[in-house]
Amino acid sequence: MKNWKIPVVFLLLVIMLVGCSNDKGSQENGQSELEKISIMLDWYPNAVHSALYVAKEKGYFEEQGLDVEIQMPADTNDPLKLAATGKVDLAISYQSQVVQSRAEGIPVVSVAAYVRHSLDSIMMKKETGINSPKDLEGKSVGYPSTVITEAVIKTMVEHDGGDFSKVKMTDVGWDLIPAVATDKVDAIGGGYINHELVLLNKEGYEMEALRLDDYGVPDNYELVIVAGEKTFNKKKASIEKFWQAVTKGQQFVKEDPEAGLQILLANENADSTLDAEVEKESLKILLPLMEDEGVPFGYQEEESWQNVANWLYEAGVIDTKVEPQQFVQNIVSK
């Protein structure tokens, strides 16, 4: 009876040691404990996404227990739609697009403001003599044929005392830069001051830009982080952890823009390579527009959402009034 007890005890001891070893290995590796979260960018990786790539590269997401997958969209309209349907957990979208989508019944919520101020503007060569929106009468404006961009230009022209019916709107798709550079059009709408304007100036064109909020269009959160309603309700705690990591990444970029930019450049898309000089200037423009003093990074003001919603309704972009309280979910406390 005593002889068979020794092997059994030894066997049980080995099993316990192996189990402990596996647990320790799993803990050290950490991968099995990380929760997977996906986010789709609004466009190909560029300066505005630096905080995300820094958070991933520096392990800030892992510190929050997250394994974050950063995806690129095939089309600029995809991120919001895929987030709304739960195909991705999060996406970077536009404040106006969120309001428009909610008016259409799409179940998407905004969880954070990523860029707090407008980047969009009307751009033209200085030689055109266009000094204000009213001067666009009798001129051609290239734009990507979106109802929001058309509403922006109409509002600006009319606010300046002009007649929008005298403006020739020309659909140039997203070929905004060649359209204005080759004088196919006199001005462009829908271009960003941190991208198109920077590139045109770099190519030697002396450009001017008209700000939207100077001519009746409310300043808006150019980029916001969105999620589907179901995803938000299910993963709110994880989304809050995600934003804590991004906030840490943003702080790193603010303190050392050059290092943050290098991390971004190391993650450029092979099909959309980046110009380091352009991205450096872009980041310089972006950083002051991504935060306001005294306001936590990402916090969303209800007033901003209401102003944009009211303008979109008055401009005829949406047919139904929406209530921001129903789809603005602050994951940041003020």
C-alpha atoms as a PDB file:
ATOM      1  CA  MET A   1       0.000   0.000   0.000  1.00  0.00           C
ATOM      2  CA  LYS A   2       2.810   2.412   0.832  1.00  0.00           C
ATOM      3  CA  ASN A   3       4.724   1.733  -2.409  1.00  0.00           C
ATOM      4  CA  TRP A   4       2.100   3.119  -4.884  1.00  0.00           C
ATOM      5  CA  LYS A   5       1.489   6.321  -2.876  1.00  0.00           C
ATOM      6  CA  ILE A   6       4.949   7.765  -3.647  1.00  0.00           C
ATOM      7  CA  PRO A   7       4.589   7.773  -7.496  1.00  0.00           C
ATOM      8  CA  VAL A   8       1.076   9.259  -7.285  1.00  0.00           C
ATOM      9  CA  VAL A   9       2.188  12.070  -4.980  1.00  0.00           C
ATOM     10  CA  PHE A  10       5.164  12.746  -7.249  1.00  0.00           C
ATOM     11  CA  LEU A  11       2.906  12.847 -10.307  1.00  0.00           C
ATOM     12  CA  LEU A  12       0.522  15.317  -8.647  1.00  0.00           C
ATOM     13  CA  LEU A  13       3.470  17.532  -7.679  1.00  0.00           C
ATOM     14  CA  VAL A  14       4.751  17.589 -11.292  1.00  0.00           C
ATOM     15  CA  ILE A  15       1.279  18.527 -12.591  1.00  0.00           C
ATOM     16  CA  MET A  16       1.037  21.391 -10.087  1.00  0.00           C
ATOM     17  CA  LEU A  17       4.485  22.700 -11.028  1.00  0.00           C
ATOM     18  CA  VAL A  18       3.708  22.586 -14.752  1.00  0.00           C
ATOM     19  CA  GLY A  19       0.438  24.424 -14.154  1.00  0.00           C
ATOM     20  CA  CYS A  20       2.158  27.133 -12.153  1.00  0.00           C
ATOM     21  CA  SER A  21       4.846  27.448 -14.817  1.00  0.00           C
ATOM     22  CA  ASN A  22       2.220  27.908 -17.550  1.00  0.00           C
ATOM     23  CA  ASP A  23       0.372  30.509 -15.486  1.00  0.00           C
ATOM     24  CA  LYS A  24       3.597  32.414 -14.905  1.00  0.00           C
ATOM     25  CA  GLY A  25       4.481  32.276 -18.597  1.00  0.00           C
ATOM     26  CA  SER A  26       1.051  33.515 -19.529  1.00  0.00           C
ATOM     27  CA  GLN A  27       1.325  36.402 -17.106  1.00  0.00           C
ATOM     28  CA  GLU A  28       4.797  37.356 -18.338  1.00  0.00           C
ATOM     29  CA  ASN A  29       3.723  37.195 -21.941  1.00  0.00           C
ATOM     30  CA  GLY A  30       0.588  39.209 -21.184  1.00  0.00           C
ATOM     31  CA  GLN A  31      -0.854  38.706 -24.654  1.00  0.00           C
ATOM     32  CA  SER A  32      -3.550  36.265 -23.554  1.00  0.00           C
ATOM     33  CA  GLU A  33      -4.800  38.807 -21.013  1.00  0.00           C
ATOM     34  CA  LEU A  34      -5.032  41.766 -23.388  1.00  0.00           C
ATOM     35  CA  GLU A  35      -8.453  42.726 -24.699  1.00  0.00           C
ATOM     36  CA  LYS A  36      -8.568  43.293 -28.434  1.00  0.00           C
ATOM     37  CA  ILE A  37      -9.880  46.683 -29.577  1.00  0.00           C
ATOM     38  CA  SER A  38      -9.994  47.862 -33.179  1.00  0.00           C
ATOM     39  CA  ILE A  39     -10.039  51.428 -34.475  1.00  0.00           C
ATOM     40  CA  MET A  40     -10.358  52.541 -38.085  1.00  0.00           C
ATOM     41  CA  LEU A  41      -8.674  55.765 -39.148  1.00  0.00           C
ATOM     42  CA  ASP A  42     -10.453  58.412 -41.174  1.00  0.00           C
ATOM     43  CA  TRP A  43      -7.741  58.267 -43.858  1.00  0.00           C
ATOM     44  CA  TYR A  44      -4.250  56.931 -44.375  1.00  0.00           C
ATOM     45  CA  PRO A  45      -1.834  57.428 -41.423  1.00  0.00           C
ATOM     46  CA  ASN A  46      -0.669  61.044 -41.168  1.00  0.00           C
ATOM     47  CA  ALA A  47       0.361  63.633 -38.576  1.00  0.00           C
ATOM     48  CA  VAL A  48      -3.032  63.794 -36.883  1.00  0.00           C
ATOM     49  CA  HIS A  49      -2.751  60.116 -35.943  1.00  0.00           C
ATOM     50  CA  SER A  50       0.609  60.463 -34.184  1.00  0.00           C
ATOM     51  CA  ALA A  51      -0.837  59.993 -30.685  1.00  0.00           C
ATOM     52  CA  LEU A  52      -2.369  56.651 -31.666  1.00  0.00           C
ATOM     53  CA  TYR A  53       0.851  55.238 -33.034  1.00  0.00           C
ATOM     54  CA  VAL A  54       2.842  56.552 -30.072  1.00  0.00           C
ATOM     55  CA  ALA A  55       0.378  54.877 -27.682  1.00  0.00           C
ATOM     56  CA  LYS A  56       0.830  51.596 -29.519  1.00  0.00           C
ATOM     57  CA  GLU A  57       4.615  51.857 -29.940  1.00  0.00           C
ATOM     58  CA  LYS A  58       5.264  52.947 -26.351  1.00  0.00           C
ATOM     59  CA  GLY A  59       3.047  50.267 -24.842  1.00  0.00           C
ATOM     60  CA  TYR A  60       0.450  52.673 -23.428  1.00  0.00           C
ATOM     61  CA  PHE A  61      -2.385  50.504 -24.739  1.00  0.00           C
ATOM     62  CA  GLU A  62      -0.861  47.413 -23.154  1.00  0.00           C
ATOM     63  CA  GLU A  63      -0.581  49.263 -19.849  1.00  0.00           C
ATOM     64  CA  GLN A  64      -4.371  49.563 -20.028  1.00  0.00           C
ATOM     65  CA  GLY A  65      -4.748  45.871 -20.812  1.00  0.00           C
ATOM     66  CA  LEU A  66      -5.543  46.457 -24.483  1.00  0.00           C
ATOM     67  CA  ASP A  67      -4.302  45.025 -27.760  1.00  0.00           C
ATOM     68  CA  VAL A  68      -5.255  47.747 -30.251  1.00  0.00           C
ATOM     69  CA  GLU A  69      -5.488  47.116 -33.965  1.00  0.00           C
ATOM     70  CA  ILE A  70      -5.270  50.261 -36.119  1.00  0.00           C
ATOM     71  CA  GLN A  71      -6.979  49.861 -39.493  1.00  0.00           C
ATOM     72  CA  MET A  72      -7.124  51.989 -42.634  1.00  0.00           C
ATOM     73  CA  PRO A  73     -10.388  52.550 -44.523  1.00  0.00           C
ATOM     74  CA  ALA A  74     -10.927  51.593 -48.147  1.00  0.00           C
ATOM     75  CA  ASP A  75     -13.225  54.614 -48.435  1.00  0.00           C
ATOM     76  CA  THR A  76     -13.575  57.725 -46.263  1.00  0.00           C
ATOM     77  CA  ASN A  77     -17.246  56.898 -45.634  1.00  0.00           C
ATOM     78  CA  ASP A  78     -16.438  53.436 -44.268  1.00  0.00           C
ATOM     79  CA  PRO A  79     -15.203  54.182 -40.719  1.00  0.00           C
ATOM     80  CA  LEU A  80     -18.456  55.529 -39.283  1.00  0.00           C
ATOM     81  CA  LYS A  81     -20.589  52.891 -40.982  1.00  0.00           C
ATOM     82  CA  LEU A  82     -18.371  50.027 -39.839  1.00  0.00           C
ATOM     83  CA  ALA A  83     -18.316  51.372 -36.279  1.00  0.00           C
ATOM     84  CA  ALA A  84     -22.110  51.747 -36.257  1.00  0.00           C
ATOM     85  CA  THR A  85     -22.544  48.111 -37.299  1.00  0.00           C
ATOM     86  CA  GLY A  86     -19.917  46.804 -34.890  1.00  0.00           C
ATOM     87  CA  LYS A  87     -17.491  45.683 -37.622  1.00  0.00           C
ATOM     88  CA  VAL A  88     -14.870  47.793 -35.827  1.00  0.00           C
ATOM     89  CA  ASP A  89     -15.010  48.915 -32.212  1.00  0.00           C
ATOM     90  CA  LEU A  90     -14.032  52.527 -32.821  1.00  0.00           C
ATOM     91  CA  ALA A  91     -13.484  54.877 -35.730  1.00  0.00           C
ATOM     92  CA  ILE A  92     -12.304  58.393 -36.428  1.00  0.00           C
ATOM     93  CA  SER A  93     -15.037  60.404 -38.115  1.00  0.00           C
ATOM     94  CA  TYR A  94     -16.320  63.964 -38.493  1.00  0.00           C
ATOM     95  CA  GLN A  95     -18.712  65.878 -36.264  1.00  0.00           C
ATOM     96  CA  SER A  96     -20.953  66.901 -39.155  1.00  0.00           C
ATOM     97  CA  GLN A  97     -21.035  63.334 -40.471  1.00  0.00           C
ATOM     98  CA  VAL A  98     -22.078  62.027 -37.066  1.00  0.00           C
ATOM     99  CA  VAL A  99     -25.006  64.483 -36.892  1.00  0.00           C
ATOM    100  CA  GLN A 100     -25.999  63.651 -40.465  1.00  0.00           C
ATOM    101  CA  SER A 101     -25.870  59.928 -39.704  1.00  0.00           C
ATOM    102  CA  ARG A 102     -27.973  60.264 -36.573  1.00  0.00           C
ATOM    103  CA  ALA A 103     -30.567  62.205 -38.556  1.00  0.00           C
ATOM    104  CA  GLU A 104     -30.684  59.174 -40.869  1.00  0.00           C
ATOM    105  CA  GLY A 105     -31.168  56.800 -37.932  1.00  0.00           C
ATOM    106  CA  ILE A 106     -27.684  55.284 -37.929  1.00  0.00           C
ATOM    107  CA  PRO A 107     -26.904  54.082 -34.354  1.00  0.00           C
ATOM    108  CA  VAL A 108     -23.533  55.744 -33.795  1.00  0.00           C
ATOM    109  CA  VAL A 109     -22.288  57.709 -30.773  1.00  0.00           C
ATOM    110  CA  SER A 110     -19.400  60.136 -30.372  1.00  0.00           C
ATOM    111  CA  VAL A 111     -17.168  59.387 -27.406  1.00  0.00           C
ATOM    112  CA  ALA A 112     -14.390  61.988 -27.698  1.00  0.00           C
ATOM    113  CA  ALA A 113     -13.319  65.071 -29.636  1.00  0.00           C
ATOM    114  CA  TYR A 114      -9.996  64.339 -31.334  1.00  0.00           C
ATOM    115  CA  VAL A 115      -9.489  67.659 -33.161  1.00  0.00           C
ATOM    116  CA  ARG A 116     -11.417  70.454 -31.432  1.00  0.00           C
ATOM    117  CA  HIS A 117     -11.433  73.014 -34.251  1.00  0.00           C
ATOM    118  CA  SER A 118     -12.156  73.201 -37.978  1.00  0.00           C
ATOM    119  CA  LEU A 119      -9.421  72.274 -40.432  1.00  0.00           C
ATOM    120  CA  ASP A 120     -11.572  72.813 -43.511  1.00  0.00           C
ATOM    121  CA  SER A 121     -11.391  76.093 -45.454  1.00  0.00           C
ATOM    122  CA  ILE A 122     -11.807  77.663 -48.882  1.00  0.00           C
ATOM    123  CA  MET A 123      -8.408  77.977 -50.564  1.00  0.00           C
ATOM    124  CA  MET A 124      -7.250  79.925 -53.579  1.00  0.00           C
ATOM    125  CA  LYS A 125      -4.099  81.371 -55.126  1.00  0.00           C
ATOM    126  CA  LYS A 126      -3.408  84.891 -53.931  1.00  0.00           C
ATOM    127  CA  GLU A 127      -3.269  86.062 -57.564  1.00  0.00           C
ATOM    128  CA  THR A 128      -6.984  85.329 -58.056  1.00  0.00           C
ATOM    129  CA  GLY A 129      -7.897  88.419 -56.063  1.00  0.00           C
ATOM    130  CA  ILE A 130     -10.461  86.480 -54.024  1.00  0.00           C
ATOM    131  CA  ASN A 131     -10.411  88.124 -50.609  1.00  0.00           C
ATOM    132  CA  SER A 132     -13.745  87.007 -49.185  1.00  0.00           C
ATOM    133  CA  PRO A 133     -16.499  84.483 -50.043  1.00  0.00           C
ATOM    134  CA  LYS A 134     -18.526  87.129 -51.908  1.00  0.00           C
ATOM    135  CA  ASP A 135     -15.672  87.340 -54.428  1.00  0.00           C
ATOM    136  CA  LEU A 136     -16.483  83.765 -55.508  1.00  0.00           C
ATOM    137  CA  GLU A 137     -19.369  85.094 -57.605  1.00  0.00           C
ATOM    138  CA  GLY A 138     -18.543  84.341 -61.226  1.00  0.00           C
ATOM    139  CA  LYS A 139     -15.739  81.998 -60.131  1.00  0.00           C
ATOM    140  CA  SER A 140     -15.443  78.211 -60.158  1.00  0.00           C
ATOM    141  CA  VAL A 141     -14.964  76.281 -56.922  1.00  0.00           C
ATOM    142  CA  GLY A 142     -13.687  72.718 -56.982  1.00  0.00           C
ATOM    143  CA  TYR A 143     -15.033  70.398 -54.311  1.00  0.00           C
ATOM    144  CA  PRO A 144     -15.456  66.670 -53.621  1.00  0.00           C
ATOM    145  CA  SER A 145     -19.200  66.769 -54.377  1.00  0.00           C
ATOM    146  CA  THR A 146     -20.384  66.364 -50.786  1.00  0.00           C
ATOM    147  CA  VAL A 147     -23.552  68.034 -49.553  1.00  0.00           C
ATOM    148  CA  ILE A 148     -21.790  69.309 -46.445  1.00  0.00           C
ATOM    149  CA  THR A 149     -19.009  71.041 -48.413  1.00  0.00           C
ATOM    150  CA  GLU A 150     -21.585  72.617 -50.715  1.00  0.00           C
ATOM    151  CA  ALA A 151     -23.569  73.820 -47.688  1.00  0.00           C
ATOM    152  CA  VAL A 152     -20.390  75.274 -46.181  1.00  0.00           C
ATOM    153  CA  ILE A 153     -19.591  77.312 -49.285  1.00  0.00           C
ATOM    154  CA  LYS A 154     -23.203  78.446 -49.711  1.00  0.00           C
ATOM    155  CA  THR A 155     -23.360  79.606 -46.096  1.00  0.00           C
ATOM    156  CA  MET A 156     -20.065  81.475 -46.368  1.00  0.00           C
ATOM    157  CA  VAL A 157     -20.977  83.242 -49.614  1.00  0.00           C
ATOM    158  CA  GLU A 158     -24.414  84.295 -48.396  1.00  0.00           C
ATOM    159  CA  HIS A 159     -23.088  85.358 -44.989  1.00  0.00           C
ATOM    160  CA  ASP A 160     -20.681  87.625 -46.858  1.00  0.00           C
ATOM    161  CA  GLY A 161     -23.546  89.174 -48.853  1.00  0.00           C
ATOM    162  CA  GLY A 162     -22.937  87.203 -52.052  1.00  0.00           C
ATOM    163  CA  ASP A 163     -25.219  85.271 -54.400  1.00  0.00           C
ATOM    164  CA  PHE A 164     -24.413  81.560 -54.251  1.00  0.00           C
ATOM    165  CA  SER A 165     -26.268  80.901 -57.519  1.00  0.00           C
ATOM    166  CA  LYS A 166     -23.498  82.835 -59.276  1.00  0.00           C
ATOM    167  CA  VAL A 167     -20.810  80.464 -57.994  1.00  0.00           C
ATOM    168  CA  LYS A 168     -19.875  77.601 -60.313  1.00  0.00           C
ATOM    169  CA  MET A 169     -19.476  74.459 -58.220  1.00  0.00           C
ATOM    170  CA  THR A 170     -17.205  71.950 -59.958  1.00  0.00           C
ATOM    171  CA  ASP A 171     -16.917  68.335 -58.840  1.00  0.00           C
ATOM    172  CA  VAL A 172     -13.216  67.446 -58.861  1.00  0.00           C
ATOM    173  CA  GLY A 173     -13.483  64.508 -56.475  1.00  0.00           C
ATOM    174  CA  TRP A 174     -10.532  64.493 -54.105  1.00  0.00           C
ATOM    175  CA  ASP A 175      -8.167  65.886 -56.748  1.00  0.00           C
ATOM    176  CA  LEU A 176      -8.329  69.242 -55.025  1.00  0.00           C
ATOM    177  CA  ILE A 177      -4.633  70.091 -55.263  1.00  0.00           C
ATOM    178  CA  PRO A 178      -4.170  69.571 -59.033  1.00  0.00           C
ATOM    179  CA  ALA A 179      -7.505  71.285 -59.708  1.00  0.00           C
ATOM    180  CA  VAL A 180      -6.430  74.561 -58.132  1.00  0.00           C
ATOM    181  CA  ALA A 181      -2.724  74.245 -59.013  1.00  0.00           C
ATOM    182  CA  THR A 182      -3.470  73.928 -62.751  1.00  0.00           C
ATOM    183  CA  ASP A 183      -6.176  76.619 -62.646  1.00  0.00           C
ATOM    184  CA  LYS A 184      -8.905  74.178 -63.560  1.00  0.00           C
ATOM    185  CA  VAL A 185     -10.838  75.984 -60.833  1.00  0.00           C
ATOM    186  CA  ASP A 186     -10.359  79.332 -59.107  1.00  0.00           C
ATOM    187  CA  ALA A 187     -10.705  77.986 -55.589  1.00  0.00           C
ATOM    188  CA  ILE A 188     -11.283  74.741 -53.718  1.00  0.00           C
ATOM    189  CA  GLY A 189     -13.529  73.753 -50.819  1.00  0.00           C
ATOM    190  CA  GLY A 190     -13.082  70.733 -48.578  1.00  0.00           C
ATOM    191  CA  GLY A 191      -9.304  71.049 -48.298  1.00  0.00           C
ATOM    192  CA  TYR A 192      -7.495  71.018 -44.954  1.00  0.00           C
ATOM    193  CA  ILE A 193      -5.173  73.755 -43.730  1.00  0.00           C
ATOM    194  CA  ASN A 194      -2.833  71.072 -42.387  1.00  0.00           C
ATOM    195  CA  HIS A 195      -2.697  69.102 -45.631  1.00  0.00           C
ATOM    196  CA  GLU A 196      -3.745  70.648 -48.943  1.00  0.00           C
ATOM    197  CA  LEU A 197      -2.627  74.140 -47.899  1.00  0.00           C
ATOM    198  CA  VAL A 198       0.739  72.848 -46.661  1.00  0.00           C
ATOM    199  CA  LEU A 199       1.343  70.853 -49.835  1.00  0.00           C
ATOM    200  CA  LEU A 200       0.395  73.728 -52.143  1.00  0.00           C
ATOM    201  CA  ASN A 201       2.658  76.130 -50.292  1.00  0.00           C
ATOM    202  CA  LYS A 202       5.485  73.598 -50.424  1.00  0.00           C
ATOM    203  CA  GLU A 203       5.051  73.345 -54.190  1.00  0.00           C
ATOM    204  CA  GLY A 204       5.591  77.078 -54.452  1.00  0.00           C
ATOM    205  CA  TYR A 205       2.052  78.384 -54.810  1.00  0.00           C
ATOM    206  CA  GLU A 206       1.202  81.492 -52.798  1.00  0.00           C
ATOM    207  CA  MET A 207      -2.086  80.489 -51.245  1.00  0.00           C
ATOM    208  CA  GLU A 208      -4.808  82.178 -49.222  1.00  0.00           C
ATOM    209  CA  ALA A 209      -7.422  80.486 -47.039  1.00  0.00           C
ATOM    210  CA  LEU A 210     -10.818  81.624 -45.754  1.00  0.00           C
ATOM    211  CA  ARG A 211     -11.867  80.219 -42.372  1.00  0.00           C
ATOM    212  CA  LEU A 212     -15.352  78.748 -42.099  1.00  0.00           C
ATOM    213  CA  ASP A 213     -16.204  80.224 -38.726  1.00  0.00           C
ATOM    214  CA  ASP A 214     -15.430  83.747 -39.975  1.00  0.00           C
ATOM    215  CA  TYR A 215     -18.396  83.487 -42.345  1.00  0.00           C
ATOM    216  CA  GLY A 216     -21.359  81.920 -40.597  1.00  0.00           C
ATOM    217  CA  VAL A 217     -20.336  78.263 -40.338  1.00  0.00           C
ATOM    218  CA  PRO A 218     -19.909  77.164 -36.710  1.00  0.00           C
ATOM    219  CA  ASP A 219     -16.467  76.081 -35.587  1.00  0.00           C
ATOM    220  CA  ASN A 220     -16.631  72.307 -35.193  1.00  0.00           C
ATOM    221  CA  TYR A 221     -14.829  69.264 -33.931  1.00  0.00           C
ATOM    222  CA  GLU A 222     -13.109  68.319 -37.169  1.00  0.00           C
ATOM    223  CA  LEU A 223     -12.412  64.792 -35.987  1.00  0.00           C
ATOM    224  CA  VAL A 224     -14.191  62.747 -33.324  1.00  0.00           C
ATOM    225  CA  ILE A 225     -13.939  59.193 -32.040  1.00  0.00           C
ATOM    226  CA  VAL A 226     -17.109  57.200 -32.632  1.00  0.00           C
ATOM    227  CA  ALA A 227     -18.530  53.803 -31.734  1.00  0.00           C
ATOM    228  CA  GLY A 228     -21.707  51.903 -32.432  1.00  0.00           C
ATOM    229  CA  GLU A 229     -24.314  52.198 -29.669  1.00  0.00           C
ATOM    230  CA  LYS A 230     -24.151  48.480 -28.870  1.00  0.00           C
ATOM    231  CA  THR A 231     -20.355  48.497 -28.816  1.00  0.00           C
ATOM    232  CA  PHE A 232     -20.265  51.506 -26.503  1.00  0.00           C
ATOM    233  CA  ASN A 233     -22.739  49.978 -24.053  1.00  0.00           C
ATOM    234  CA  LYS A 234     -20.791  46.724 -24.047  1.00  0.00           C
ATOM    235  CA  LYS A 235     -17.243  48.100 -23.972  1.00  0.00           C
ATOM    236  CA  LYS A 236     -17.507  51.487 -22.278  1.00  0.00           C
ATOM    237  CA  ALA A 237     -14.842  50.682 -19.672  1.00  0.00           C
ATOM    238  CA  SER A 238     -12.430  49.457 -22.346  1.00  0.00           C
ATOM    239  CA  ILE A 239     -13.080  52.535 -24.491  1.00  0.00           C
ATOM    240  CA  GLU A 240     -12.267  54.737 -21.499  1.00  0.00           C
ATOM    241  CA  LYS A 241      -8.991  52.835 -21.043  1.00  0.00           C
ATOM    242  CA  PHE A 242      -8.284  53.257 -24.750  1.00  0.00           C
ATOM    243  CA  TRP A 243      -8.678  57.026 -24.440  1.00  0.00           C
ATOM    244  CA  GLN A 244      -6.440  57.182 -21.378  1.00  0.00           C
ATOM    245  CA  ALA A 245      -3.695  55.596 -23.467  1.00  0.00           C
ATOM    246  CA  VAL A 246      -4.312  57.960 -26.397  1.00  0.00           C
ATOM    247  CA  THR A 247      -4.211  60.928 -24.020  1.00  0.00           C
ATOM    248  CA  LYS A 248      -0.832  59.753 -22.778  1.00  0.00           C
ATOM    249  CA  GLY A 249       0.297  59.404 -26.388  1.00  0.00           C
ATOM    250  CA  GLN A 250      -0.908  62.928 -27.156  1.00  0.00           C
ATOM    251  CA  GLN A 251       1.041  64.289 -24.192  1.00  0.00           C
ATOM    252  CA  PHE A 252       4.167  62.564 -25.503  1.00  0.00           C
ATOM    253  CA  VAL A 253       3.681  64.143 -28.951  1.00  0.00           C
ATOM    254  CA  LYS A 254       3.174  67.593 -27.413  1.00  0.00           C
ATOM    255  CA  GLU A 255       6.337  67.302 -25.344  1.00  0.00           C
ATOM    256  CA  ASP A 256       8.446  65.821 -28.131  1.00  0.00           C
ATOM    257  CA  PRO A 257       6.829  66.391 -31.561  1.00  0.00           C
ATOM    258  CA  GLU A 258       9.902  65.211 -33.417  1.00  0.00           C
ATOM    259  CA  ALA A 259       9.995  61.854 -31.638  1.00  0.00           C
ATOM    260  CA  GLY A 260       6.246  61.443 -32.080  1.00  0.00           C
ATOM    261  CA  LEU A 261       6.576  62.192 -35.771  1.00  0.00           C
ATOM    262  CA  GLN A 262       9.332  59.625 -36.194  1.00  0.00           C
ATOM    263  CA  ILE A 263       7.069  56.952 -34.723  1.00  0.00           C
ATOM    264  CA  LEU A 264       4.330  57.975 -37.166  1.00  0.00           C
ATOM    265  CA  LEU A 265       6.712  57.900 -40.142  1.00  0.00           C
ATOM    266  CA  ALA A 266       7.819  54.402 -39.168  1.00  0.00           C
ATOM    267  CA  ASN A 267       4.184  53.338 -39.538  1.00  0.00           C
ATOM    268  CA  GLU A 268       3.420  55.020 -42.856  1.00  0.00           C
ATOM    269  CA  ASN A 269       1.317  53.108 -45.347  1.00  0.00           C
ATOM    270  CA  ALA A 270       3.268  51.650 -48.271  1.00  0.00           C
ATOM    271  CA  ASP A 271       0.685  52.937 -50.736  1.00  0.00           C
ATOM    272  CA  SER A 272       0.546  56.417 -49.188  1.00  0.00           C
ATOM    273  CA  THR A 273       4.086  57.368 -48.240  1.00  0.00           C
ATOM    274  CA  LEU A 274       4.598  60.497 -46.190  1.00  0.00           C
ATOM    275  CA  ASP A 275       6.735  63.586 -46.728  1.00  0.00           C
ATOM    276  CA  ALA A 276       8.485  64.206 -43.402  1.00  0.00           C
ATOM    277  CA  GLU A 277       8.681  67.956 -44.015  1.00  0.00           C
ATOM    278  CA  VAL A 278       4.962  68.181 -44.803  1.00  0.00           C
ATOM    279  CA  GLU A 279       3.958  66.091 -41.787  1.00  0.00           C
ATOM    280  CA  LYS A 280       6.155  68.188 -39.509  1.00  0.00           C
ATOM    281  CA  GLU A 281       4.403  71.370 -40.636  1.00  0.00           C
ATOM    282  CA  SER A 282       1.034  69.613 -40.432  1.00  0.00           C
ATOM    283  CA  LEU A 283       1.646  68.569 -36.830  1.00  0.00           C
ATOM    284  CA  LYS A 284       2.724  72.111 -35.964  1.00  0.00           C
ATOM    285  CA  ILE A 285      -0.656  73.366 -37.238  1.00  0.00           C
ATOM    286  CA  LEU A 286      -2.633  70.551 -35.632  1.00  0.00           C
ATOM    287  CA  LEU A 287      -1.415  70.528 -32.037  1.00  0.00           C
ATOM    288  CA  PRO A 288      -2.956  73.887 -30.997  1.00  0.00           C
ATOM    289  CA  LEU A 289      -6.242  72.863 -32.648  1.00  0.00           C
ATOM    290  CA  MET A 290      -6.546  69.527 -30.887  1.00  0.00           C
ATOM    291  CA  GLU A 291      -6.951  70.942 -27.387  1.00  0.00           C
ATOM    292  CA  ASP A 292      -8.210  74.032 -25.575  1.00  0.00           C
ATOM    293  CA  GLU A 293      -6.638  75.366 -22.413  1.00  0.00           C
ATOM    294  CA  GLY A 294      -8.508  74.266 -19.328  1.00  0.00           C
ATOM    295  CA  VAL A 295     -10.470  71.576 -21.187  1.00  0.00           C
ATOM    296  CA  PRO A 296      -9.468  67.901 -20.849  1.00  0.00           C
ATOM    297  CA  PHE A 297      -8.276  66.318 -24.085  1.00  0.00           C
ATOM    298  CA  GLY A 298     -11.284  64.752 -25.778  1.00  0.00           C
ATOM    299  CA  TYR A 299     -14.013  66.429 -23.740  1.00  0.00           C
ATOM    300  CA  GLN A 300     -17.087  67.322 -25.816  1.00  0.00           C
ATOM    301  CA  GLU A 301     -19.104  70.479 -25.198  1.00  0.00           C
ATOM    302  CA  GLU A 302     -22.828  70.086 -25.801  1.00  0.00           C
ATOM    303  CA  GLU A 303     -22.937  73.638 -27.175  1.00  0.00           C
ATOM    304  CA  SER A 304     -20.591  72.700 -30.022  1.00  0.00           C
ATOM    305  CA  TRP A 305     -22.773  69.767 -31.016  1.00  0.00           C
ATOM    306  CA  GLN A 306     -25.958  71.815 -30.799  1.00  0.00           C
ATOM    307  CA  ASN A 307     -24.500  74.613 -32.940  1.00  0.00           C
ATOM    308  CA  VAL A 308     -23.442  72.168 -35.649  1.00  0.00           C
ATOM    309  CA  ALA A 309     -26.771  70.314 -35.524  1.00  0.00           C
ATOM    310  CA  ASN A 310     -28.713  73.580 -35.814  1.00  0.00           C
ATOM    311  CA  TRP A 311     -26.592  74.764 -38.743  1.00  0.00           C
ATOM    312  CA  LEU A 312     -26.951  71.479 -40.638  1.00  0.00           C
ATOM    313  CA  TYR A 313     -30.720  71.644 -40.203  1.00  0.00           C
ATOM    314  CA  GLU A 314     -30.977  75.291 -41.242  1.00  0.00           C
ATOM    315  CA  ALA A 315     -28.696  74.642 -44.223  1.00  0.00           C
ATOM    316  CA  GLY A 316     -30.963  71.813 -45.387  1.00  0.00           C
ATOM    317  CA  VAL A 317     -28.336  69.099 -45.020  1.00  0.00           C
ATOM    318  CA  ILE A 318     -30.567  67.198 -42.594  1.00  0.00           C
ATOM    319  CA  ASP A 319     -34.380  67.114 -42.619  1.00  0.00           C
ATOM    320  CA  THR A 320     -34.811  66.072 -39.013  1.00  0.00           C
ATOM    321  CA  LYS A 321     -33.671  67.876 -35.894  1.00  0.00           C
ATOM    322  CA  VAL A 322     -31.473  65.778 -33.647  1.00  0.00           C
ATOM    323  CA  GLU A 323     -30.758  65.955 -29.927  1.00  0.00           C
ATOM    324  CA  PRO A 324     -27.012  65.700 -29.155  1.00  0.00           C
ATOM    325  CA  GLN A 325     -27.768  64.336 -25.682  1.00  0.00           C
ATOM    326  CA  GLN A 326     -28.897  61.127 -27.361  1.00  0.00           C
ATOM    327  CA  PHE A 327     -25.588  60.354 -29.063  1.00  0.00           C
ATOM    328  CA  VAL A 328     -22.807  62.331 -27.373  1.00  0.00           C
ATOM    329  CA  GLN A 329     -21.191  60.141 -24.728  1.00  0.00           C
ATOM    330  CA  ASN A 330     -18.341  61.848 -22.897  1.00  0.00           C
ATOM    331  CA  ILE A 331     -15.740  59.367 -21.682  1.00  0.00           C
ATOM    332  CA  VAL A 332     -13.771  62.312 -20.279  1.00  0.00           C
ATOM    333  CA  SER A 333     -14.863  64.342 -17.271  1.00  0.00           C
ATOM    334  CA  LYS A 334     -14.374  68.090 -17.224  1.00  0.00           C
END
